Amino acid sequence: VEFYVDQHNRVLPHSAFGGQTPDEM
């Protein structure tokens, strides 16, 4: 869970944000 939460927040872009990650939003 710790690995995926870090990937979700910092690395993986979100399609709803035009390629931005949740951290960048």
mmCIF file of all heavy atoms, coordinates in Angstrom:
data_MODEL
# 
_entry.id   MODEL 
# 
loop_
_atom_site.group_PDB 
_atom_site.id 
_atom_site.type_symbol 
_atom_site.label_atom_id 
_atom_site.label_alt_id 
_atom_site.label_comp_id 
_atom_site.label_asym_id 
_atom_site.label_entity_id 
_atom_site.label_seq_id 
_atom_site.pdbx_PDB_ins_code 
_atom_site.Cartn_x 
_atom_site.Cartn_y 
_atom_site.Cartn_z 
_atom_site.occupancy 
_atom_site.B_iso_or_equiv 
_atom_site.pdbx_formal_charge 
_atom_site.auth_seq_id 
_atom_site.auth_comp_id 
_atom_site.auth_asym_id 
_atom_site.auth_atom_id 
_atom_site.pdbx_PDB_model_num 
ATOM 1   N N   . VAL A 1 1  ? 0.834  -1.202 0.000   1.00 0.00 ? 1  VAL A N   1 
ATOM 2   C CA  . VAL A 1 1  ? 0.000  0.000  0.000   1.00 0.00 ? 1  VAL A CA  1 
ATOM 3   C C   . VAL A 1 1  ? 0.869  1.253  0.000   1.00 0.00 ? 1  VAL A C   1 
ATOM 4   O O   . VAL A 1 1  ? 0.593  2.223  -0.722  1.00 0.00 ? 1  VAL A O   1 
ATOM 5   C CB  . VAL A 1 1  ? -0.954 -0.007 1.206   1.00 0.00 ? 1  VAL A CB  1 
ATOM 6   C CG1 . VAL A 1 1  ? -1.703 1.316  1.317   1.00 0.00 ? 1  VAL A CG1 1 
ATOM 7   C CG2 . VAL A 1 1  ? -1.948 -1.157 1.094   1.00 0.00 ? 1  VAL A CG2 1 
ATOM 8   N N   . GLU A 1 2  ? 1.938  1.248  0.780   1.00 0.00 ? 2  GLU A N   1 
ATOM 9   C CA  . GLU A 1 2  ? 2.838  2.402  0.828   1.00 0.00 ? 2  GLU A CA  1 
ATOM 10  C C   . GLU A 1 2  ? 3.456  2.681  -0.537  1.00 0.00 ? 2  GLU A C   1 
ATOM 11  O O   . GLU A 1 2  ? 3.554  3.842  -0.963  1.00 0.00 ? 2  GLU A O   1 
ATOM 12  C CB  . GLU A 1 2  ? 3.932  2.146  1.861   1.00 0.00 ? 2  GLU A CB  1 
ATOM 13  C CG  . GLU A 1 2  ? 4.890  3.307  2.052   1.00 0.00 ? 2  GLU A CG  1 
ATOM 14  C CD  . GLU A 1 2  ? 5.922  3.032  3.109   1.00 0.00 ? 2  GLU A CD  1 
ATOM 15  O OE1 . GLU A 1 2  ? 5.940  1.894  3.639   1.00 0.00 ? 2  GLU A OE1 1 
ATOM 16  O OE2 . GLU A 1 2  ? 6.723  3.936  3.408   1.00 0.00 ? 2  GLU A OE2 1 
ATOM 17  N N   . PHE A 1 3  ? 3.854  1.622  -1.234  1.00 0.00 ? 3  PHE A N   1 
ATOM 18  C CA  . PHE A 1 3  ? 4.425  1.799  -2.569  1.00 0.00 ? 3  PHE A CA  1 
ATOM 19  C C   . PHE A 1 3  ? 3.404  2.391  -3.537  1.00 0.00 ? 3  PHE A C   1 
ATOM 20  O O   . PHE A 1 3  ? 3.695  3.352  -4.268  1.00 0.00 ? 3  PHE A O   1 
ATOM 21  C CB  . PHE A 1 3  ? 4.930  0.460  -3.093  1.00 0.00 ? 3  PHE A CB  1 
ATOM 22  C CG  . PHE A 1 3  ? 5.316  0.482  -4.552  1.00 0.00 ? 3  PHE A CG  1 
ATOM 23  C CD1 . PHE A 1 3  ? 6.535  0.991  -4.950  1.00 0.00 ? 3  PHE A CD1 1 
ATOM 24  C CD2 . PHE A 1 3  ? 4.443  0.003  -5.524  1.00 0.00 ? 3  PHE A CD2 1 
ATOM 25  C CE1 . PHE A 1 3  ? 6.896  1.025  -6.291  1.00 0.00 ? 3  PHE A CE1 1 
ATOM 26  C CE2 . PHE A 1 3  ? 4.785  0.035  -6.865  1.00 0.00 ? 3  PHE A CE2 1 
ATOM 27  C CZ  . PHE A 1 3  ? 6.019  0.544  -7.248  1.00 0.00 ? 3  PHE A CZ  1 
ATOM 28  N N   . TYR A 1 4  ? 2.178  1.838  -3.546  1.00 0.00 ? 4  TYR A N   1 
ATOM 29  C CA  . TYR A 1 4  ? 1.214  2.291  -4.541  1.00 0.00 ? 4  TYR A CA  1 
ATOM 30  C C   . TYR A 1 4  ? 0.714  3.705  -4.242  1.00 0.00 ? 4  TYR A C   1 
ATOM 31  O O   . TYR A 1 4  ? 0.484  4.485  -5.161  1.00 0.00 ? 4  TYR A O   1 
ATOM 32  C CB  . TYR A 1 4  ? 0.032  1.334  -4.607  1.00 0.00 ? 4  TYR A CB  1 
ATOM 33  C CG  . TYR A 1 4  ? -0.863 1.631  -5.787  1.00 0.00 ? 4  TYR A CG  1 
ATOM 34  C CD1 . TYR A 1 4  ? -0.562 1.135  -7.051  1.00 0.00 ? 4  TYR A CD1 1 
ATOM 35  C CD2 . TYR A 1 4  ? -1.973 2.445  -5.647  1.00 0.00 ? 4  TYR A CD2 1 
ATOM 36  C CE1 . TYR A 1 4  ? -1.358 1.435  -8.139  1.00 0.00 ? 4  TYR A CE1 1 
ATOM 37  C CE2 . TYR A 1 4  ? -2.779 2.749  -6.731  1.00 0.00 ? 4  TYR A CE2 1 
ATOM 38  C CZ  . TYR A 1 4  ? -2.465 2.239  -7.974  1.00 0.00 ? 4  TYR A CZ  1 
ATOM 39  O OH  . TYR A 1 4  ? -3.267 2.544  -9.065  1.00 0.00 ? 4  TYR A OH  1 
ATOM 40  N N   . VAL A 1 5  ? 0.541  4.047  -2.967  1.00 0.00 ? 5  VAL A N   1 
ATOM 41  C CA  . VAL A 1 5  ? 0.103  5.407  -2.635  1.00 0.00 ? 5  VAL A CA  1 
ATOM 42  C C   . VAL A 1 5  ? 1.136  6.419  -3.108  1.00 0.00 ? 5  VAL A C   1 
ATOM 43  O O   . VAL A 1 5  ? 0.793  7.481  -3.659  1.00 0.00 ? 5  VAL A O   1 
ATOM 44  C CB  . VAL A 1 5  ? -0.160 5.531  -1.127  1.00 0.00 ? 5  VAL A CB  1 
ATOM 45  C CG1 . VAL A 1 5  ? -0.339 6.989  -0.727  1.00 0.00 ? 5  VAL A CG1 1 
ATOM 46  C CG2 . VAL A 1 5  ? -1.396 4.731  -0.742  1.00 0.00 ? 5  VAL A CG2 1 
ATOM 47  N N   . ASP A 1 6  ? 2.422  6.119  -2.919  1.00 0.00 ? 6  ASP A N   1 
ATOM 48  C CA  . ASP A 1 6  ? 3.469  7.012  -3.409  1.00 0.00 ? 6  ASP A CA  1 
ATOM 49  C C   . ASP A 1 6  ? 3.432  7.126  -4.930  1.00 0.00 ? 6  ASP A C   1 
ATOM 50  O O   . ASP A 1 6  ? 3.566  8.229  -5.481  1.00 0.00 ? 6  ASP A O   1 
ATOM 51  C CB  . ASP A 1 6  ? 4.832  6.505  -2.946  1.00 0.00 ? 6  ASP A CB  1 
ATOM 52  C CG  . ASP A 1 6  ? 5.970  7.343  -3.478  1.00 0.00 ? 6  ASP A CG  1 
ATOM 53  O OD1 . ASP A 1 6  ? 6.116  8.502  -3.058  1.00 0.00 ? 6  ASP A OD1 1 
ATOM 54  O OD2 . ASP A 1 6  ? 6.711  6.843  -4.361  1.00 0.00 ? 6  ASP A OD2 1 
ATOM 55  N N   . GLN A 1 7  ? 3.244  5.987  -5.605  1.00 0.00 ? 7  GLN A N   1 
ATOM 56  C CA  . GLN A 1 7  ? 3.152  6.029  -7.060  1.00 0.00 ? 7  GLN A CA  1 
ATOM 57  C C   . GLN A 1 7  ? 1.923  6.812  -7.513  1.00 0.00 ? 7  GLN A C   1 
ATOM 58  O O   . GLN A 1 7  ? 1.983  7.599  -8.467  1.00 0.00 ? 7  GLN A O   1 
ATOM 59  C CB  . GLN A 1 7  ? 3.083  4.608  -7.610  1.00 0.00 ? 7  GLN A CB  1 
ATOM 60  C CG  . GLN A 1 7  ? 4.364  3.809  -7.444  1.00 0.00 ? 7  GLN A CG  1 
ATOM 61  C CD  . GLN A 1 7  ? 5.444  4.258  -8.406  1.00 0.00 ? 7  GLN A CD  1 
ATOM 62  O OE1 . GLN A 1 7  ? 5.251  4.270  -9.619  1.00 0.00 ? 7  GLN A OE1 1 
ATOM 63  N NE2 . GLN A 1 7  ? 6.600  4.634  -7.859  1.00 0.00 ? 7  GLN A NE2 1 
ATOM 64  N N   . HIS A 1 8  ? 0.810  6.600  -6.853  1.00 0.00 ? 8  HIS A N   1 
ATOM 65  C CA  . HIS A 1 8  ? -0.439 7.291  -7.217  1.00 0.00 ? 8  HIS A CA  1 
ATOM 66  C C   . HIS A 1 8  ? -0.306 8.799  -7.053  1.00 0.00 ? 8  HIS A C   1 
ATOM 67  O O   . HIS A 1 8  ? -0.731 9.566  -7.928  1.00 0.00 ? 8  HIS A O   1 
ATOM 68  C CB  . HIS A 1 8  ? -1.581 6.761  -6.346  1.00 0.00 ? 8  HIS A CB  1 
ATOM 69  C CG  . HIS A 1 8  ? -2.856 7.541  -6.486  1.00 0.00 ? 8  HIS A CG  1 
ATOM 70  N ND1 . HIS A 1 8  ? -3.733 7.364  -7.527  1.00 0.00 ? 8  HIS A ND1 1 
ATOM 71  C CD2 . HIS A 1 8  ? -3.394 8.520  -5.700  1.00 0.00 ? 8  HIS A CD2 1 
ATOM 72  C CE1 . HIS A 1 8  ? -4.764 8.184  -7.391  1.00 0.00 ? 8  HIS A CE1 1 
ATOM 73  N NE2 . HIS A 1 8  ? -4.580 8.896  -6.297  1.00 0.00 ? 8  HIS A NE2 1 
ATOM 74  N N   . ASN A 1 9  ? 0.284  9.243  -5.956  1.00 0.00 ? 9  ASN A N   1 
ATOM 75  C CA  . ASN A 1 9  ? 0.377  10.677 -5.694  1.00 0.00 ? 9  ASN A CA  1 
ATOM 76  C C   . ASN A 1 9  ? 1.450  11.364 -6.532  1.00 0.00 ? 9  ASN A C   1 
ATOM 77  O O   . ASN A 1 9  ? 1.230  12.458 -7.057  1.00 0.00 ? 9  ASN A O   1 
ATOM 78  C CB  . ASN A 1 9  ? 0.676  10.920 -4.213  1.00 0.00 ? 9  ASN A CB  1 
ATOM 79  C CG  . ASN A 1 9  ? -0.520 10.643 -3.331  1.00 0.00 ? 9  ASN A CG  1 
ATOM 80  O OD1 . ASN A 1 9  ? -1.659 10.611 -3.801  1.00 0.00 ? 9  ASN A OD1 1 
ATOM 81  N ND2 . ASN A 1 9  ? -0.267 10.430 -2.050  1.00 0.00 ? 9  ASN A ND2 1 
ATOM 82  N N   . ARG A 1 10 ? 2.590  10.725 -6.688  1.00 0.00 ? 10 ARG A N   1 
ATOM 83  C CA  . ARG A 1 10 ? 3.770  11.420 -7.213  1.00 0.00 ? 10 ARG A CA  1 
ATOM 84  C C   . ARG A 1 10 ? 4.115  11.088 -8.657  1.00 0.00 ? 10 ARG A C   1 
ATOM 85  O O   . ARG A 1 10 ? 4.626  11.954 -9.391  1.00 0.00 ? 10 ARG A O   1 
ATOM 86  C CB  . ARG A 1 10 ? 4.970  11.101 -6.314  1.00 0.00 ? 10 ARG A CB  1 
ATOM 87  C CG  . ARG A 1 10 ? 6.242  11.846 -6.622  1.00 0.00 ? 10 ARG A CG  1 
ATOM 88  C CD  . ARG A 1 10 ? 7.314  11.507 -5.605  1.00 0.00 ? 10 ARG A CD  1 
ATOM 89  N NE  . ARG A 1 10 ? 7.528  10.071 -5.503  1.00 0.00 ? 10 ARG A NE  1 
ATOM 90  C CZ  . ARG A 1 10 ? 8.350  9.389  -6.299  1.00 0.00 ? 10 ARG A CZ  1 
ATOM 91  N NH1 . ARG A 1 10 ? 9.022  10.008 -7.251  1.00 0.00 ? 10 ARG A NH1 1 
ATOM 92  N NH2 . ARG A 1 10 ? 8.497  8.082  -6.143  1.00 0.00 ? 10 ARG A NH2 1 
ATOM 93  N N   . VAL A 1 11 ? 3.821  9.851  -9.113  1.00 0.00 ? 11 VAL A N   1 
ATOM 94  C CA  . VAL A 1 11 ? 4.340  9.393  -10.404 1.00 0.00 ? 11 VAL A CA  1 
ATOM 95  C C   . VAL A 1 11 ? 3.250  9.247  -11.455 1.00 0.00 ? 11 VAL A C   1 
ATOM 96  O O   . VAL A 1 11 ? 3.416  9.703  -12.596 1.00 0.00 ? 11 VAL A O   1 
ATOM 97  C CB  . VAL A 1 11 ? 5.079  8.047  -10.226 1.00 0.00 ? 11 VAL A CB  1 
ATOM 98  C CG1 . VAL A 1 11 ? 5.610  7.548  -11.559 1.00 0.00 ? 11 VAL A CG1 1 
ATOM 99  C CG2 . VAL A 1 11 ? 6.210  8.193  -9.211  1.00 0.00 ? 11 VAL A CG2 1 
ATOM 100 N N   . LEU A 1 12 ? 2.154  8.598  -11.121 1.00 0.00 ? 12 LEU A N   1 
ATOM 101 C CA  . LEU A 1 12 ? 1.160  8.217  -12.122 1.00 0.00 ? 12 LEU A CA  1 
ATOM 102 C C   . LEU A 1 12 ? 0.304  9.410  -12.540 1.00 0.00 ? 12 LEU A C   1 
ATOM 103 O O   . LEU A 1 12 ? -0.360 10.033 -11.695 1.00 0.00 ? 12 LEU A O   1 
ATOM 104 C CB  . LEU A 1 12 ? 0.259  7.109  -11.571 1.00 0.00 ? 12 LEU A CB  1 
ATOM 105 C CG  . LEU A 1 12 ? 0.977  5.832  -11.121 1.00 0.00 ? 12 LEU A CG  1 
ATOM 106 C CD1 . LEU A 1 12 ? -0.018 4.822  -10.589 1.00 0.00 ? 12 LEU A CD1 1 
ATOM 107 C CD2 . LEU A 1 12 ? 1.781  5.244  -12.273 1.00 0.00 ? 12 LEU A CD2 1 
ATOM 108 N N   . PRO A 1 13 ? 0.303  9.760  -13.822 1.00 0.00 ? 13 PRO A N   1 
ATOM 109 C CA  . PRO A 1 13 ? -0.555 10.861 -14.280 1.00 0.00 ? 13 PRO A CA  1 
ATOM 110 C C   . PRO A 1 13 ? -2.015 10.434 -14.300 1.00 0.00 ? 13 PRO A C   1 
ATOM 111 O O   . PRO A 1 13 ? -2.344 9.266  -14.493 1.00 0.00 ? 13 PRO A O   1 
ATOM 112 C CB  . PRO A 1 13 ? -0.035 11.154 -15.690 1.00 0.00 ? 13 PRO A CB  1 
ATOM 113 C CG  . PRO A 1 13 ? 0.568  9.870  -16.144 1.00 0.00 ? 13 PRO A CG  1 
ATOM 114 C CD  . PRO A 1 13 ? 1.111  9.191  -14.917 1.00 0.00 ? 13 PRO A CD  1 
ATOM 115 N N   . HIS A 1 14 ? -2.888 11.406 -14.111 1.00 0.00 ? 14 HIS A N   1 
ATOM 116 C CA  . HIS A 1 14 ? -4.327 11.152 -14.094 1.00 0.00 ? 14 HIS A CA  1 
ATOM 117 C C   . HIS A 1 14 ? -4.932 11.659 -15.398 1.00 0.00 ? 14 HIS A C   1 
ATOM 118 O O   . HIS A 1 14 ? -4.659 12.779 -15.824 1.00 0.00 ? 14 HIS A O   1 
ATOM 119 C CB  . HIS A 1 14 ? -4.984 11.845 -12.893 1.00 0.00 ? 14 HIS A CB  1 
ATOM 120 C CG  . HIS A 1 14 ? -6.281 11.233 -12.491 1.00 0.00 ? 14 HIS A CG  1 
ATOM 121 N ND1 . HIS A 1 14 ? -7.418 11.332 -13.260 1.00 0.00 ? 14 HIS A ND1 1 
ATOM 122 C CD2 . HIS A 1 14 ? -6.629 10.504 -11.399 1.00 0.00 ? 14 HIS A CD2 1 
ATOM 123 C CE1 . HIS A 1 14 ? -8.414 10.710 -12.652 1.00 0.00 ? 14 HIS A CE1 1 
ATOM 124 N NE2 . HIS A 1 14 ? -7.962 10.189 -11.531 1.00 0.00 ? 14 HIS A NE2 1 
ATOM 125 N N   . SER A 1 15 ? -5.777 10.822 -16.015 1.00 0.00 ? 15 SER A N   1 
ATOM 126 C CA  . SER A 1 15 ? -6.358 11.194 -17.307 1.00 0.00 ? 15 SER A CA  1 
ATOM 127 C C   . SER A 1 15 ? -7.278 12.406 -17.186 1.00 0.00 ? 15 SER A C   1 
ATOM 128 O O   . SER A 1 15 ? -7.456 13.162 -18.156 1.00 0.00 ? 15 SER A O   1 
ATOM 129 C CB  . SER A 1 15 ? -7.131 10.006 -17.881 1.00 0.00 ? 15 SER A CB  1 
ATOM 130 O OG  . SER A 1 15 ? -8.160 9.590  -16.991 1.00 0.00 ? 15 SER A OG  1 
ATOM 131 N N   . ALA A 1 16 ? -7.888 12.626 -16.024 1.00 0.00 ? 16 ALA A N   1 
ATOM 132 C CA  . ALA A 1 16 ? -8.803 13.759 -15.863 1.00 0.00 ? 16 ALA A CA  1 
ATOM 133 C C   . ALA A 1 16 ? -8.078 15.091 -15.773 1.00 0.00 ? 16 ALA A C   1 
ATOM 134 O O   . ALA A 1 16 ? -8.710 16.141 -15.894 1.00 0.00 ? 16 ALA A O   1 
ATOM 135 C CB  . ALA A 1 16 ? -9.663 13.555 -14.615 1.00 0.00 ? 16 ALA A CB  1 
ATOM 136 N N   . PHE A 1 17 ? -6.759 15.061 -15.569 1.00 0.00 ? 17 PHE A N   1 
ATOM 137 C CA  . PHE A 1 17 ? -5.993 16.292 -15.387 1.00 0.00 ? 17 PHE A CA  1 
ATOM 138 C C   . PHE A 1 17 ? -5.057 16.573 -16.554 1.00 0.00 ? 17 PHE A C   1 
ATOM 139 O O   . PHE A 1 17 ? -4.097 17.334 -16.400 1.00 0.00 ? 17 PHE A O   1 
ATOM 140 C CB  . PHE A 1 17 ? -5.172 16.215 -14.089 1.00 0.00 ? 17 PHE A CB  1 
ATOM 141 C CG  . PHE A 1 17 ? -5.995 15.916 -12.870 1.00 0.00 ? 17 PHE A CG  1 
ATOM 142 C CD1 . PHE A 1 17 ? -5.528 15.054 -11.893 1.00 0.00 ? 17 PHE A CD1 1 
ATOM 143 C CD2 . PHE A 1 17 ? -7.250 16.474 -12.713 1.00 0.00 ? 17 PHE A CD2 1 
ATOM 144 C CE1 . PHE A 1 17 ? -6.288 14.771 -10.776 1.00 0.00 ? 17 PHE A CE1 1 
ATOM 145 C CE2 . PHE A 1 17 ? -8.025 16.195 -11.600 1.00 0.00 ? 17 PHE A CE2 1 
ATOM 146 C CZ  . PHE A 1 17 ? -7.545 15.339 -10.633 1.00 0.00 ? 17 PHE A CZ  1 
ATOM 147 N N   . GLY A 1 18 ? -5.281 15.960 -17.689 1.00 0.00 ? 18 GLY A N   1 
ATOM 148 C CA  . GLY A 1 18 ? -4.438 16.230 -18.852 1.00 0.00 ? 18 GLY A CA  1 
ATOM 149 C C   . GLY A 1 18 ? -3.020 15.746 -18.700 1.00 0.00 ? 18 GLY A C   1 
ATOM 150 O O   . GLY A 1 18 ? -2.105 16.315 -19.307 1.00 0.00 ? 18 GLY A O   1 
ATOM 151 N N   . GLY A 1 19 ? -2.786 14.730 -17.871 1.00 0.00 ? 19 GLY A N   1 
ATOM 152 C CA  . GLY A 1 19 ? -1.449 14.189 -17.690 1.00 0.00 ? 19 GLY A CA  1 
ATOM 153 C C   . GLY A 1 19 ? -0.767 14.611 -16.414 1.00 0.00 ? 19 GLY A C   1 
ATOM 154 O O   . GLY A 1 19 ? 0.360  14.169 -16.135 1.00 0.00 ? 19 GLY A O   1 
ATOM 155 N N   . GLN A 1 20 ? -1.386 15.434 -15.597 1.00 0.00 ? 20 GLN A N   1 
ATOM 156 C CA  . GLN A 1 20 ? -0.796 15.839 -14.331 1.00 0.00 ? 20 GLN A CA  1 
ATOM 157 C C   . GLN A 1 20 ? -1.032 14.765 -13.266 1.00 0.00 ? 20 GLN A C   1 
ATOM 158 O O   . GLN A 1 20 ? -2.022 14.035 -13.287 1.00 0.00 ? 20 GLN A O   1 
ATOM 159 C CB  . GLN A 1 20 ? -1.393 17.161 -13.856 1.00 0.00 ? 20 GLN A CB  1 
ATOM 160 C CG  . GLN A 1 20 ? -1.186 18.325 -14.813 1.00 0.00 ? 20 GLN A CG  1 
ATOM 161 C CD  . GLN A 1 20 ? -1.741 19.618 -14.252 1.00 0.00 ? 20 GLN A CD  1 
ATOM 162 O OE1 . GLN A 1 20 ? -1.264 20.132 -13.240 1.00 0.00 ? 20 GLN A OE1 1 
ATOM 163 N NE2 . GLN A 1 20 ? -2.768 20.149 -14.899 1.00 0.00 ? 20 GLN A NE2 1 
ATOM 164 N N   . THR A 1 21 ? -0.112 14.688 -12.327 1.00 0.00 ? 21 THR A N   1 
ATOM 165 C CA  . THR A 1 21 ? -0.259 13.772 -11.210 1.00 0.00 ? 21 THR A CA  1 
ATOM 166 C C   . THR A 1 21 ? -1.100 14.434 -10.113 1.00 0.00 ? 21 THR A C   1 
ATOM 167 O O   . THR A 1 21 ? -1.247 15.673 -10.084 1.00 0.00 ? 21 THR A O   1 
ATOM 168 C CB  . THR A 1 21 ? 1.116  13.389 -10.658 1.00 0.00 ? 21 THR A CB  1 
ATOM 169 O OG1 . THR A 1 21 ? 1.744  14.570 -10.133 1.00 0.00 ? 21 THR A OG1 1 
ATOM 170 C CG2 . THR A 1 21 ? 1.993  12.795 -11.746 1.00 0.00 ? 21 THR A CG2 1 
ATOM 171 N N   . PRO A 1 22 ? -1.639 13.658 -9.172  1.00 0.00 ? 22 PRO A N   1 
ATOM 172 C CA  . PRO A 1 22 ? -2.371 14.269 -8.059  1.00 0.00 ? 22 PRO A CA  1 
ATOM 173 C C   . PRO A 1 22 ? -1.539 15.256 -7.243  1.00 0.00 ? 22 PRO A C   1 
ATOM 174 O O   . PRO A 1 22 ? -2.072 16.281 -6.791  1.00 0.00 ? 22 PRO A O   1 
ATOM 175 C CB  . PRO A 1 22 ? -2.789 13.056 -7.225  1.00 0.00 ? 22 PRO A CB  1 
ATOM 176 C CG  . PRO A 1 22 ? -2.921 11.959 -8.220  1.00 0.00 ? 22 PRO A CG  1 
ATOM 177 C CD  . PRO A 1 22 ? -1.827 12.192 -9.209  1.00 0.00 ? 22 PRO A CD  1 
ATOM 178 N N   . ASP A 1 23 ? -0.258 14.971 -7.042  1.00 0.00 ? 23 ASP A N   1 
ATOM 179 C CA  . ASP A 1 23 ? 0.589  15.925 -6.317  1.00 0.00 ? 23 ASP A CA  1 
ATOM 180 C C   . ASP A 1 23 ? 0.699  17.245 -7.063  1.00 0.00 ? 23 ASP A C   1 
ATOM 181 O O   . ASP A 1 23 ? 0.664  18.329 -6.453  1.00 0.00 ? 23 ASP A O   1 
ATOM 182 C CB  . ASP A 1 23 ? 1.986  15.327 -6.115  1.00 0.00 ? 23 ASP A CB  1 
ATOM 183 C CG  . ASP A 1 23 ? 2.076  14.511 -4.840  1.00 0.00 ? 23 ASP A CG  1 
ATOM 184 O OD1 . ASP A 1 23 ? 1.050  14.422 -4.124  1.00 0.00 ? 23 ASP A OD1 1 
ATOM 185 O OD2 . ASP A 1 23 ? 3.152  13.938 -4.563  1.00 0.00 ? 23 ASP A OD2 1 
ATOM 186 N N   . GLU A 1 24 ? 0.852  17.176 -8.371  1.00 0.00 ? 24 GLU A N   1 
ATOM 187 C CA  . GLU A 1 24 ? 0.972  18.414 -9.166  1.00 0.00 ? 24 GLU A CA  1 
ATOM 188 C C   . GLU A 1 24 ? -0.337 19.192 -9.154  1.00 0.00 ? 24 GLU A C   1 
ATOM 189 O O   . GLU A 1 24 ? -0.308 20.434 -9.158  1.00 0.00 ? 24 GLU A O   1 
ATOM 190 C CB  . GLU A 1 24 ? 1.378  18.059 -10.593 1.00 0.00 ? 24 GLU A CB  1 
ATOM 191 C CG  . GLU A 1 24 ? 2.808  17.529 -10.699 1.00 0.00 ? 24 GLU A CG  1 
ATOM 192 C CD  . GLU A 1 24 ? 3.099  16.926 -12.059 1.00 0.00 ? 24 GLU A CD  1 
ATOM 193 O OE1 . GLU A 1 24 ? 2.137  16.609 -12.789 1.00 0.00 ? 24 GLU A OE1 1 
ATOM 194 O OE2 . GLU A 1 24 ? 4.287  16.771 -12.392 1.00 0.00 ? 24 GLU A OE2 1 
ATOM 195 N N   . MET A 1 25 ? -1.454 18.521 -9.115  1.00 0.00 ? 25 MET A N   1 
ATOM 196 C CA  . MET A 1 25 ? -2.726 19.222 -9.007  1.00 0.00 ? 25 MET A CA  1 
ATOM 197 C C   . MET A 1 25 ? -2.897 19.818 -7.612  1.00 0.00 ? 25 MET A C   1 
ATOM 198 O O   . MET A 1 25 ? -3.400 20.945 -7.467  1.00 0.00 ? 25 MET A O   1 
ATOM 199 C CB  . MET A 1 25 ? -3.871 18.267 -9.312  1.00 0.00 ? 25 MET A CB  1 
ATOM 200 C CG  . MET A 1 25 ? -3.981 17.879 -10.766 1.00 0.00 ? 25 MET A CG  1 
ATOM 201 S SD  . MET A 1 25 ? -4.421 19.283 -11.842 1.00 0.00 ? 25 MET A SD  1 
ATOM 202 C CE  . MET A 1 25 ? -6.038 19.713 -11.213 1.00 0.00 ? 25 MET A CE  1 
# 
